[in-house]
């Protein structure tokens, strides 16, 4: 199985004139190769994510039909203190 990497190519002048668009692409996961006088001089690559994958998922609420979990937790705490 091979990985496909999306790579944009641009000249140094075009990068300078349209930097926001290219950096938006990098933030979206693309790599941008920069050419000067027809020769590649740099690859702008996204940084690896520092956020764990489990934090990227939206949280799901724990629910049990007909039961208030908040009230049950508070009641359990109260009974533990007694």
N, C-alpha and C. Protein backbone atom coordinates (compact mmCIF):
# COMPACT_ATOMS: atom_id res chain seq x y z
N UNK A 1 0.85 -1.18 0.00
CA UNK A 1 0.00 0.00 0.00
C UNK A 1 0.89 1.24 0.00
N UNK A 2 0.67 2.17 -0.92
CA UNK A 2 1.51 3.35 -1.00
C UNK A 2 0.75 4.57 -0.51
N UNK A 3 1.52 5.51 0.05
CA UNK A 3 0.92 6.76 0.52
C UNK A 3 1.04 7.80 -0.58
N UNK A 4 -0.02 8.55 -0.80
CA UNK A 4 0.01 9.62 -1.79
C UNK A 4 0.12 10.94 -1.03
N UNK A 5 1.15 11.71 -1.37
CA UNK A 5 1.34 13.01 -0.74
C UNK A 5 0.98 14.09 -1.74
N UNK A 6 0.15 15.01 -1.33
CA UNK A 6 -0.22 16.12 -2.21
C UNK A 6 0.88 17.16 -2.11
N UNK A 7 1.42 17.55 -3.28
CA UNK A 7 2.48 18.56 -3.27
C UNK A 7 2.16 19.64 -4.30
N UNK A 8 2.15 20.85 -3.83
CA UNK A 8 2.02 22.00 -4.72
C UNK A 8 3.42 22.45 -5.10
N UNK A 9 3.54 23.06 -6.25
CA UNK A 9 4.81 23.62 -6.69
C UNK A 9 4.60 25.08 -7.03
N UNK A 10 5.59 25.89 -6.69
CA UNK A 10 5.48 27.32 -6.96
C UNK A 10 6.86 27.93 -7.10
N UNK A 11 6.89 29.10 -7.66
CA UNK A 11 8.14 29.84 -7.73
C UNK A 11 8.28 30.69 -6.47
N UNK A 12 9.50 31.13 -6.23
CA UNK A 12 9.75 31.97 -5.06
C UNK A 12 8.91 33.25 -5.15
N UNK A 13 8.83 33.84 -6.33
CA UNK A 13 8.08 35.08 -6.51
C UNK A 13 6.59 34.86 -6.25
N UNK A 14 6.05 33.76 -6.78
CA UNK A 14 4.64 33.46 -6.56
C UNK A 14 4.37 33.19 -5.07
N UNK A 15 5.29 32.51 -4.41
CA UNK A 15 5.14 32.27 -2.96
C UNK A 15 5.11 33.59 -2.21
N UNK A 16 6.01 34.48 -2.56
CA UNK A 16 6.07 35.77 -1.89
C UNK A 16 4.78 36.57 -2.11
N UNK A 17 4.24 36.51 -3.32
CA UNK A 17 3.03 37.28 -3.63
C UNK A 17 1.74 36.64 -3.11
N UNK A 18 1.77 35.33 -2.86
CA UNK A 18 0.56 34.60 -2.44
C UNK A 18 0.83 33.73 -1.21
N UNK A 19 1.62 34.24 -0.30
CA UNK A 19 2.05 33.44 0.85
C UNK A 19 0.88 32.88 1.65
N UNK A 20 -0.15 33.66 1.87
CA UNK A 20 -1.28 33.19 2.69
C UNK A 20 -1.90 31.94 2.10
N UNK A 21 -2.14 31.94 0.80
CA UNK A 21 -2.76 30.77 0.16
C UNK A 21 -1.88 29.53 0.30
N UNK A 22 -0.58 29.70 0.14
CA UNK A 22 0.31 28.54 0.25
C UNK A 22 0.42 28.04 1.69
N UNK A 23 0.47 28.95 2.65
CA UNK A 23 0.54 28.50 4.04
C UNK A 23 -0.79 27.92 4.51
N UNK A 24 -1.90 28.39 3.96
CA UNK A 24 -3.19 27.74 4.25
C UNK A 24 -3.17 26.30 3.75
N UNK A 25 -2.57 26.07 2.57
CA UNK A 25 -2.47 24.72 2.03
C UNK A 25 -1.59 23.85 2.91
N UNK A 26 -0.49 24.41 3.41
CA UNK A 26 0.40 23.66 4.31
C UNK A 26 -0.33 23.30 5.59
N UNK A 27 -1.08 24.25 6.14
CA UNK A 27 -1.87 23.96 7.35
C UNK A 27 -2.90 22.86 7.10
N UNK A 28 -3.36 22.75 5.85
CA UNK A 28 -4.34 21.71 5.50
C UNK A 28 -3.67 20.37 5.21
N UNK A 29 -2.33 20.32 5.33
CA UNK A 29 -1.63 19.05 5.17
C UNK A 29 -0.84 18.89 3.89
N UNK A 30 -0.86 19.88 3.03
CA UNK A 30 -0.12 19.79 1.77
C UNK A 30 1.33 20.21 1.96
N UNK A 31 2.18 19.76 1.04
CA UNK A 31 3.57 20.19 0.98
C UNK A 31 3.71 21.12 -0.20
N UNK A 32 4.50 22.18 -0.04
CA UNK A 32 4.72 23.14 -1.12
C UNK A 32 6.21 23.11 -1.47
N UNK A 33 6.52 22.82 -2.73
CA UNK A 33 7.91 22.85 -3.20
C UNK A 33 8.13 24.19 -3.88
N UNK A 34 9.20 24.87 -3.48
CA UNK A 34 9.50 26.20 -3.99
C UNK A 34 10.69 26.11 -4.95
N UNK A 35 10.52 26.74 -6.12
CA UNK A 35 11.57 26.76 -7.14
C UNK A 35 12.11 28.17 -7.31
N UNK A 36 13.42 28.25 -7.54
CA UNK A 36 14.06 29.53 -7.87
C UNK A 36 14.92 29.28 -9.10
N UNK A 37 14.67 30.04 -10.12
CA UNK A 37 15.37 29.89 -11.40
C UNK A 37 15.26 28.47 -11.93
N UNK A 38 14.06 27.86 -11.72
CA UNK A 38 13.79 26.53 -12.26
C UNK A 38 14.32 25.37 -11.44
N UNK A 39 15.00 25.65 -10.33
CA UNK A 39 15.55 24.59 -9.50
C UNK A 39 14.84 24.57 -8.14
N UNK A 40 14.54 23.37 -7.63
CA UNK A 40 13.90 23.31 -6.31
C UNK A 40 14.87 23.78 -5.22
N UNK A 41 14.37 24.67 -4.36
CA UNK A 41 15.21 25.20 -3.28
C UNK A 41 14.66 24.90 -1.90
N UNK A 42 13.37 24.59 -1.81
CA UNK A 42 12.80 24.33 -0.48
C UNK A 42 11.49 23.56 -0.60
N UNK A 43 11.21 22.78 0.43
CA UNK A 43 9.90 22.16 0.61
C UNK A 43 9.34 22.71 1.91
N UNK A 44 8.15 23.24 1.84
CA UNK A 44 7.46 23.71 3.05
C UNK A 44 6.49 22.60 3.43
N UNK A 45 6.72 22.00 4.59
CA UNK A 45 5.94 20.83 5.00
C UNK A 45 5.19 21.13 6.29
N UNK A 46 4.01 20.51 6.47
CA UNK A 46 3.29 20.71 7.73
C UNK A 46 4.02 20.06 8.89
N UNK A 47 3.93 20.67 10.04
CA UNK A 47 4.50 20.08 11.25
C UNK A 47 3.62 18.92 11.71
N UNK A 48 4.24 17.91 12.32
CA UNK A 48 3.41 16.82 12.85
C UNK A 48 2.52 17.35 13.98
N UNK A 49 1.35 16.77 14.07
CA UNK A 49 0.40 17.20 15.09
C UNK A 49 0.93 16.87 16.48
N UNK A 50 0.80 17.82 17.39
CA UNK A 50 1.21 17.58 18.77
C UNK A 50 0.02 17.18 19.63
N UNK A 51 -1.17 17.22 19.04
CA UNK A 51 -2.38 16.88 19.78
C UNK A 51 -2.68 15.39 19.59
N UNK A 52 -2.90 14.66 20.67
CA UNK A 52 -3.23 13.23 20.53
C UNK A 52 -4.50 13.04 19.72
N UNK A 53 -4.55 11.95 18.98
CA UNK A 53 -5.69 11.71 18.10
C UNK A 53 -7.01 11.62 18.87
N UNK A 54 -6.98 11.13 20.12
CA UNK A 54 -8.23 11.00 20.87
C UNK A 54 -8.81 12.36 21.22
N UNK A 55 -8.00 13.42 21.23
CA UNK A 55 -8.52 14.75 21.52
C UNK A 55 -9.15 15.40 20.30
N UNK A 56 -8.89 14.87 19.11
CA UNK A 56 -9.43 15.44 17.89
C UNK A 56 -10.89 15.06 17.68
N UNK A 57 -11.31 13.97 18.31
CA UNK A 57 -12.71 13.54 18.17
C UNK A 57 -13.58 14.37 19.10
N UNK A 58 -14.78 14.72 18.64
CA UNK A 58 -15.67 15.46 19.54
C UNK A 58 -16.10 14.56 20.70
N UNK A 59 -16.21 15.13 21.90
CA UNK A 59 -16.61 14.31 23.04
C UNK A 59 -18.04 13.80 22.89
N UNK A 60 -18.28 12.61 23.40
CA UNK A 60 -19.64 12.07 23.40
C UNK A 60 -20.15 12.07 24.82
N UNK A 61 -21.39 12.45 24.98
CA UNK A 61 -21.99 12.51 26.31
C UNK A 61 -22.39 11.11 26.74
N UNK A 62 -22.09 10.79 27.97
CA UNK A 62 -22.48 9.52 28.55
C UNK A 62 -23.90 9.67 29.08
N UNK A 63 -24.82 8.94 28.49
CA UNK A 63 -26.21 9.05 28.93
C UNK A 63 -26.81 7.66 29.13
N UNK A 64 -27.67 7.59 30.10
CA UNK A 64 -28.47 6.39 30.35
C UNK A 64 -29.91 6.86 30.44
N UNK A 65 -30.75 6.31 29.59
CA UNK A 65 -32.13 6.76 29.51
C UNK A 65 -32.83 6.66 30.87
N UNK A 66 -33.47 7.76 31.28
CA UNK A 66 -34.24 7.78 32.51
C UNK A 66 -33.42 7.97 33.77
N UNK A 67 -32.13 8.27 33.64
CA UNK A 67 -31.28 8.39 34.82
C UNK A 67 -30.44 9.66 34.68
N UNK A 68 -30.38 10.43 35.74
CA UNK A 68 -29.53 11.61 35.75
C UNK A 68 -28.18 11.21 36.33
N UNK A 69 -27.18 11.14 35.46
CA UNK A 69 -25.86 10.72 35.93
C UNK A 69 -25.27 11.71 36.92
N UNK A 70 -25.55 12.99 36.71
CA UNK A 70 -25.04 14.00 37.63
C UNK A 70 -25.59 13.76 39.03
N UNK A 71 -26.89 13.52 39.13
CA UNK A 71 -27.50 13.27 40.45
C UNK A 71 -26.94 12.00 41.07
N UNK A 72 -26.73 10.98 40.27
CA UNK A 72 -26.20 9.72 40.79
C UNK A 72 -24.77 9.88 41.30
N UNK A 73 -23.95 10.64 40.57
CA UNK A 73 -22.56 10.88 41.01
C UNK A 73 -22.56 11.67 42.31
N UNK A 74 -23.38 12.73 42.39
CA UNK A 74 -23.45 13.53 43.61
C UNK A 74 -23.97 12.71 44.79
N UNK A 75 -24.95 11.84 44.55
CA UNK A 75 -25.47 11.00 45.62
C UNK A 75 -24.39 10.01 46.08
N UNK A 76 -23.65 9.48 45.15
CA UNK A 76 -22.58 8.55 45.50
C UNK A 76 -21.50 9.24 46.32
N UNK A 77 -21.16 10.48 45.96
CA UNK A 77 -20.19 11.24 46.72
C UNK A 77 -20.68 11.52 48.14
N UNK A 78 -21.97 11.89 48.24
CA UNK A 78 -22.54 12.16 49.54
C UNK A 78 -22.53 10.91 50.44
N UNK A 79 -22.85 9.77 49.86
CA UNK A 79 -22.86 8.53 50.65
C UNK A 79 -21.45 8.11 51.04
N UNK A 80 -20.46 8.45 50.23
CA UNK A 80 -19.07 8.11 50.56
C UNK A 80 -18.55 8.98 51.69
N UNK A 81 -19.05 10.22 51.77
CA UNK A 81 -18.61 11.15 52.82
C UNK A 81 -19.24 10.79 54.17
N UNK A 82 -20.35 10.10 54.18
CA UNK A 82 -21.06 9.80 55.42
C UNK A 82 -20.44 8.68 56.17
